ModelCIF file with pLDDT and N, C-alpha, C, O atoms, coordinates in Angstrom:
data_MODEL
#
_entry.id   MODEL 
#
_entity.id                         1 
_entity.type                       polymer 
_entity.pdbx_number_of_molecules   1 
#
_entity_poly.entity_id                      1 
_entity_poly.type                           'polypeptide(L)' 
_entity_poly.nstd_linkage                   no 
_entity_poly.nstd_monomer                   no 
_entity_poly.pdbx_seq_one_letter_code       
;(UNK)(UNK)(UNK)(UNK)(UNK)(UNK)(UNK)(UNK)(UNK)(UNK)(UNK)(UNK)(UNK)(UNK)(UNK)(UNK)
(UNK)(UNK)(UNK)(UNK)(UNK)(UNK)(UNK)(UNK)
;
_entity_poly.pdbx_seq_one_letter_code_can   XXXXXXXXXXXXXXXXXXXXXXXX 
_entity_poly.pdbx_strand_id                 A 
#
loop_
_entity_poly_seq.entity_id 
_entity_poly_seq.num 
_entity_poly_seq.mon_id 
_entity_poly_seq.hetero 
1 1  UNK n 
1 2  UNK n 
1 3  UNK n 
1 4  UNK n 
1 5  UNK n 
1 6  UNK n 
1 7  UNK n 
1 8  UNK n 
1 9  UNK n 
1 10 UNK n 
1 11 UNK n 
1 12 UNK n 
1 13 UNK n 
1 14 UNK n 
1 15 UNK n 
1 16 UNK n 
1 17 UNK n 
1 18 UNK n 
1 19 UNK n 
1 20 UNK n 
1 21 UNK n 
1 22 UNK n 
1 23 UNK n 
1 24 UNK n 
#
_struct_asym.id          A 
_struct_asym.entity_id   1 
#
loop_
_ma_qa_metric.id 
_ma_qa_metric.mode 
_ma_qa_metric.name 
_ma_qa_metric.software_group_id 
_ma_qa_metric.type 
1 global pLDDT . pLDDT 
2 local  pLDDT . pLDDT 
#
_ma_qa_metric_global.metric_id      1 
_ma_qa_metric_global.metric_value   93.33 
_ma_qa_metric_global.model_id       1 
_ma_qa_metric_global.ordinal_id     1 
#
loop_
_ma_qa_metric_local.label_asym_id 
_ma_qa_metric_local.label_comp_id 
_ma_qa_metric_local.label_seq_id 
_ma_qa_metric_local.metric_id 
_ma_qa_metric_local.metric_value 
_ma_qa_metric_local.model_id 
_ma_qa_metric_local.ordinal_id 
A UNK 1  2 95.00 1 1  
A UNK 2  2 93.00 1 2  
A UNK 3  2 92.00 1 3  
A UNK 4  2 93.00 1 4  
A UNK 5  2 95.00 1 5  
A UNK 6  2 94.00 1 6  
A UNK 7  2 94.00 1 7  
A UNK 8  2 94.00 1 8  
A UNK 9  2 93.00 1 9  
A UNK 10 2 94.00 1 10 
A UNK 11 2 95.00 1 11 
A UNK 12 2 95.00 1 12 
A UNK 13 2 95.00 1 13 
A UNK 14 2 95.00 1 14 
A UNK 15 2 95.00 1 15 
A UNK 16 2 95.00 1 16 
A UNK 17 2 96.00 1 17 
A UNK 18 2 96.00 1 18 
A UNK 19 2 96.00 1 19 
A UNK 20 2 94.00 1 20 
A UNK 21 2 89.00 1 21 
A UNK 22 2 87.00 1 22 
A UNK 23 2 86.00 1 23 
A UNK 24 2 89.00 1 24 
#
loop_
_atom_site.group_PDB 
_atom_site.id 
_atom_site.type_symbol 
_atom_site.label_atom_id 
_atom_site.label_alt_id 
_atom_site.label_comp_id 
_atom_site.label_asym_id 
_atom_site.label_entity_id 
_atom_site.label_seq_id 
_atom_site.pdbx_PDB_ins_code 
_atom_site.Cartn_x 
_atom_site.Cartn_y 
_atom_site.Cartn_z 
_atom_site.occupancy 
_atom_site.B_iso_or_equiv 
_atom_site.pdbx_formal_charge 
_atom_site.auth_seq_id 
_atom_site.auth_comp_id 
_atom_site.auth_asym_id 
_atom_site.auth_atom_id 
_atom_site.pdbx_PDB_model_num 
ATOM 1  N N  . UNK A 1 1  ? 160.747 -103.514 71.227 1.00 95.00 ? 1  UNK A N  1 
ATOM 2  C CA . UNK A 1 1  ? 161.953 -104.448 71.383 1.00 95.00 ? 1  UNK A CA 1 
ATOM 3  C C  . UNK A 1 1  ? 162.346 -104.424 72.882 1.00 95.00 ? 1  UNK A C  1 
ATOM 4  O O  . UNK A 1 1  ? 162.454 -103.392 73.544 1.00 95.00 ? 1  UNK A O  1 
ATOM 5  N N  . UNK A 1 2  ? 162.552 -105.717 73.354 1.00 93.00 ? 2  UNK A N  1 
ATOM 6  C CA . UNK A 1 2  ? 162.895 -105.826 74.762 1.00 93.00 ? 2  UNK A CA 1 
ATOM 7  C C  . UNK A 1 2  ? 164.302 -106.603 74.928 1.00 93.00 ? 2  UNK A C  1 
ATOM 8  O O  . UNK A 1 2  ? 164.945 -106.949 73.938 1.00 93.00 ? 2  UNK A O  1 
ATOM 9  N N  . UNK A 1 3  ? 164.724 -106.845 76.212 1.00 92.00 ? 3  UNK A N  1 
ATOM 10 C CA . UNK A 1 3  ? 165.957 -107.566 76.466 1.00 92.00 ? 3  UNK A CA 1 
ATOM 11 C C  . UNK A 1 3  ? 167.005 -106.641 76.574 1.00 92.00 ? 3  UNK A C  1 
ATOM 12 O O  . UNK A 1 3  ? 166.894 -105.497 76.133 1.00 92.00 ? 3  UNK A O  1 
ATOM 13 N N  . UNK A 1 4  ? 168.080 -107.083 77.166 1.00 93.00 ? 4  UNK A N  1 
ATOM 14 C CA . UNK A 1 4  ? 169.315 -106.308 77.515 1.00 93.00 ? 4  UNK A CA 1 
ATOM 15 C C  . UNK A 1 4  ? 169.839 -105.580 76.172 1.00 93.00 ? 4  UNK A C  1 
ATOM 16 O O  . UNK A 1 4  ? 170.204 -104.405 76.174 1.00 93.00 ? 4  UNK A O  1 
ATOM 17 N N  . UNK A 1 5  ? 169.838 -106.330 75.125 1.00 95.00 ? 5  UNK A N  1 
ATOM 18 C CA . UNK A 1 5  ? 170.440 -105.772 73.859 1.00 95.00 ? 5  UNK A CA 1 
ATOM 19 C C  . UNK A 1 5  ? 169.398 -105.367 72.890 1.00 95.00 ? 5  UNK A C  1 
ATOM 20 O O  . UNK A 1 5  ? 169.708 -105.080 71.734 1.00 95.00 ? 5  UNK A O  1 
ATOM 21 N N  . UNK A 1 6  ? 168.105 -105.328 73.335 1.00 94.00 ? 6  UNK A N  1 
ATOM 22 C CA . UNK A 1 6  ? 166.952 -104.996 72.553 1.00 94.00 ? 6  UNK A CA 1 
ATOM 23 C C  . UNK A 1 6  ? 166.918 -105.817 71.264 1.00 94.00 ? 6  UNK A C  1 
ATOM 24 O O  . UNK A 1 6  ? 166.770 -105.282 70.165 1.00 94.00 ? 6  UNK A O  1 
ATOM 25 N N  . UNK A 1 7  ? 167.059 -107.147 71.435 1.00 94.00 ? 7  UNK A N  1 
ATOM 26 C CA . UNK A 1 7  ? 166.960 -108.028 70.283 1.00 94.00 ? 7  UNK A CA 1 
ATOM 27 C C  . UNK A 1 7  ? 165.659 -108.823 70.237 1.00 94.00 ? 7  UNK A C  1 
ATOM 28 O O  . UNK A 1 7  ? 165.320 -109.392 69.200 1.00 94.00 ? 7  UNK A O  1 
ATOM 29 N N  . UNK A 1 8  ? 164.917 -108.869 71.367 1.00 94.00 ? 8  UNK A N  1 
ATOM 30 C CA . UNK A 1 8  ? 163.735 -109.600 71.389 1.00 94.00 ? 8  UNK A CA 1 
ATOM 31 C C  . UNK A 1 8  ? 162.587 -108.817 70.876 1.00 94.00 ? 8  UNK A C  1 
ATOM 32 O O  . UNK A 1 8  ? 162.420 -107.681 71.319 1.00 94.00 ? 8  UNK A O  1 
ATOM 33 N N  . UNK A 1 9  ? 161.763 -109.313 69.971 1.00 93.00 ? 9  UNK A N  1 
ATOM 34 C CA . UNK A 1 9  ? 160.700 -108.532 69.393 1.00 93.00 ? 9  UNK A CA 1 
ATOM 35 C C  . UNK A 1 9  ? 159.399 -109.328 69.490 1.00 93.00 ? 9  UNK A C  1 
ATOM 36 O O  . UNK A 1 9  ? 158.748 -109.562 68.472 1.00 93.00 ? 9  UNK A O  1 
ATOM 37 N N  . UNK A 1 10 ? 159.021 -109.734 70.661 1.00 94.00 ? 10 UNK A N  1 
ATOM 38 C CA . UNK A 1 10 ? 157.690 -110.547 70.742 1.00 94.00 ? 10 UNK A CA 1 
ATOM 39 C C  . UNK A 1 10 ? 156.602 -109.709 71.383 1.00 94.00 ? 10 UNK A C  1 
ATOM 40 O O  . UNK A 1 10 ? 155.443 -110.121 71.437 1.00 94.00 ? 10 UNK A O  1 
ATOM 41 N N  . UNK A 1 11 ? 156.980 -108.513 71.877 1.00 95.00 ? 11 UNK A N  1 
ATOM 42 C CA . UNK A 1 11 ? 155.956 -107.728 72.473 1.00 95.00 ? 11 UNK A CA 1 
ATOM 43 C C  . UNK A 1 11 ? 155.290 -106.736 71.430 1.00 95.00 ? 11 UNK A C  1 
ATOM 44 O O  . UNK A 1 11 ? 155.921 -106.216 70.510 1.00 95.00 ? 11 UNK A O  1 
ATOM 45 N N  . UNK A 1 12 ? 153.975 -106.539 71.674 1.00 95.00 ? 12 UNK A N  1 
ATOM 46 C CA . UNK A 1 12 ? 153.259 -105.608 70.736 1.00 95.00 ? 12 UNK A CA 1 
ATOM 47 C C  . UNK A 1 12 ? 152.623 -104.442 71.479 1.00 95.00 ? 12 UNK A C  1 
ATOM 48 O O  . UNK A 1 12 ? 152.028 -104.706 72.524 1.00 95.00 ? 12 UNK A O  1 
ATOM 49 N N  . UNK A 1 13 ? 152.679 -103.257 71.083 1.00 95.00 ? 13 UNK A N  1 
ATOM 50 C CA . UNK A 1 13 ? 152.044 -102.147 71.685 1.00 95.00 ? 13 UNK A CA 1 
ATOM 51 C C  . UNK A 1 13 ? 150.765 -101.769 70.681 1.00 95.00 ? 13 UNK A C  1 
ATOM 52 O O  . UNK A 1 13 ? 150.899 -101.470 69.494 1.00 95.00 ? 13 UNK A O  1 
ATOM 53 N N  . UNK A 1 14 ? 149.523 -101.841 71.387 1.00 95.00 ? 14 UNK A N  1 
ATOM 54 C CA . UNK A 1 14 ? 148.325 -101.512 70.698 1.00 95.00 ? 14 UNK A CA 1 
ATOM 55 C C  . UNK A 1 14 ? 148.279 -99.992  70.438 1.00 95.00 ? 14 UNK A C  1 
ATOM 56 O O  . UNK A 1 14 ? 148.365 -99.173  71.354 1.00 95.00 ? 14 UNK A O  1 
ATOM 57 N N  . UNK A 1 15 ? 148.137 -99.655  69.114 1.00 95.00 ? 15 UNK A N  1 
ATOM 58 C CA . UNK A 1 15 ? 148.162 -98.239  68.761 1.00 95.00 ? 15 UNK A CA 1 
ATOM 59 C C  . UNK A 1 15 ? 146.686 -97.659  68.561 1.00 95.00 ? 15 UNK A C  1 
ATOM 60 O O  . UNK A 1 15 ? 146.507 -96.489  68.220 1.00 95.00 ? 15 UNK A O  1 
ATOM 61 N N  . UNK A 1 16 ? 145.665 -98.536  68.790 1.00 95.00 ? 16 UNK A N  1 
ATOM 62 C CA . UNK A 1 16 ? 144.299 -98.157  68.627 1.00 95.00 ? 16 UNK A CA 1 
ATOM 63 C C  . UNK A 1 16 ? 143.614 -97.985  70.041 1.00 95.00 ? 16 UNK A C  1 
ATOM 64 O O  . UNK A 1 16 ? 144.110 -98.449  71.067 1.00 95.00 ? 16 UNK A O  1 
ATOM 65 N N  . UNK A 1 17 ? 142.483 -97.308  70.006 1.00 96.00 ? 17 UNK A N  1 
ATOM 66 C CA . UNK A 1 17 ? 141.607 -97.307  71.263 1.00 96.00 ? 17 UNK A CA 1 
ATOM 67 C C  . UNK A 1 17 ? 141.156 -98.521  71.717 1.00 96.00 ? 17 UNK A C  1 
ATOM 68 O O  . UNK A 1 17 ? 140.743 -99.343  70.898 1.00 96.00 ? 17 UNK A O  1 
ATOM 69 N N  . UNK A 1 18 ? 141.170 -98.805  73.089 1.00 96.00 ? 18 UNK A N  1 
ATOM 70 C CA . UNK A 1 18 ? 140.925 -100.181 73.618 1.00 96.00 ? 18 UNK A CA 1 
ATOM 71 C C  . UNK A 1 18 ? 139.882 -100.018 74.827 1.00 96.00 ? 18 UNK A C  1 
ATOM 72 O O  . UNK A 1 18 ? 139.750 -98.942  75.411 1.00 96.00 ? 18 UNK A O  1 
ATOM 73 N N  . UNK A 1 19 ? 139.206 -101.082 75.130 1.00 96.00 ? 19 UNK A N  1 
ATOM 74 C CA . UNK A 1 19 ? 138.449 -101.054 76.279 1.00 96.00 ? 19 UNK A CA 1 
ATOM 75 C C  . UNK A 1 19 ? 138.821 -102.309 77.189 1.00 96.00 ? 19 UNK A C  1 
ATOM 76 O O  . UNK A 1 19 ? 138.840 -103.450 76.729 1.00 96.00 ? 19 UNK A O  1 
ATOM 77 N N  . UNK A 1 20 ? 139.097 -102.024 78.437 1.00 94.00 ? 20 UNK A N  1 
ATOM 78 C CA . UNK A 1 20 ? 139.388 -103.135 79.404 1.00 94.00 ? 20 UNK A CA 1 
ATOM 79 C C  . UNK A 1 20 ? 138.332 -103.073 80.517 1.00 94.00 ? 20 UNK A C  1 
ATOM 80 O O  . UNK A 1 20 ? 137.849 -102.009 80.903 1.00 94.00 ? 20 UNK A O  1 
ATOM 81 N N  . UNK A 1 21 ? 138.007 -104.260 81.001 1.00 89.00 ? 21 UNK A N  1 
ATOM 82 C CA . UNK A 1 21 ? 137.029 -104.420 82.115 1.00 89.00 ? 21 UNK A CA 1 
ATOM 83 C C  . UNK A 1 21 ? 137.284 -103.575 83.328 1.00 89.00 ? 21 UNK A C  1 
ATOM 84 O O  . UNK A 1 21 ? 138.365 -102.996 83.431 1.00 89.00 ? 21 UNK A O  1 
ATOM 85 N N  . UNK A 1 22 ? 136.378 -103.468 84.236 1.00 87.00 ? 22 UNK A N  1 
ATOM 86 C CA . UNK A 1 22 ? 136.463 -102.698 85.449 1.00 87.00 ? 22 UNK A CA 1 
ATOM 87 C C  . UNK A 1 22 ? 137.623 -103.215 86.381 1.00 87.00 ? 22 UNK A C  1 
ATOM 88 O O  . UNK A 1 22 ? 138.452 -102.423 86.829 1.00 87.00 ? 22 UNK A O  1 
ATOM 89 N N  . UNK A 1 23 ? 137.661 -104.483 86.645 1.00 86.00 ? 23 UNK A N  1 
ATOM 90 C CA . UNK A 1 23 ? 138.622 -105.004 87.618 1.00 86.00 ? 23 UNK A CA 1 
ATOM 91 C C  . UNK A 1 23 ? 139.832 -105.499 86.870 1.00 86.00 ? 23 UNK A C  1 
ATOM 92 O O  . UNK A 1 23 ? 140.439 -106.471 87.319 1.00 86.00 ? 23 UNK A O  1 
ATOM 93 N N  . UNK A 1 24 ? 140.258 -104.863 85.686 1.00 89.00 ? 24 UNK A N  1 
ATOM 94 C CA . UNK A 1 24 ? 141.435 -105.334 84.978 1.00 89.00 ? 24 UNK A CA 1 
ATOM 95 C C  . UNK A 1 24 ? 142.738 -105.027 85.547 1.00 89.00 ? 24 UNK A C  1 
ATOM 96 O O  . UNK A 1 24 ? 143.763 -105.406 84.981 1.00 89.00 ? 24 UNK A O  1 
#
């Protein structure tokens, strides 16, 4: 939840293992 009053719910937190490239 984001925004001043925590009303926006468009963000997602990935709860699994991930791989990102070298120059990410």
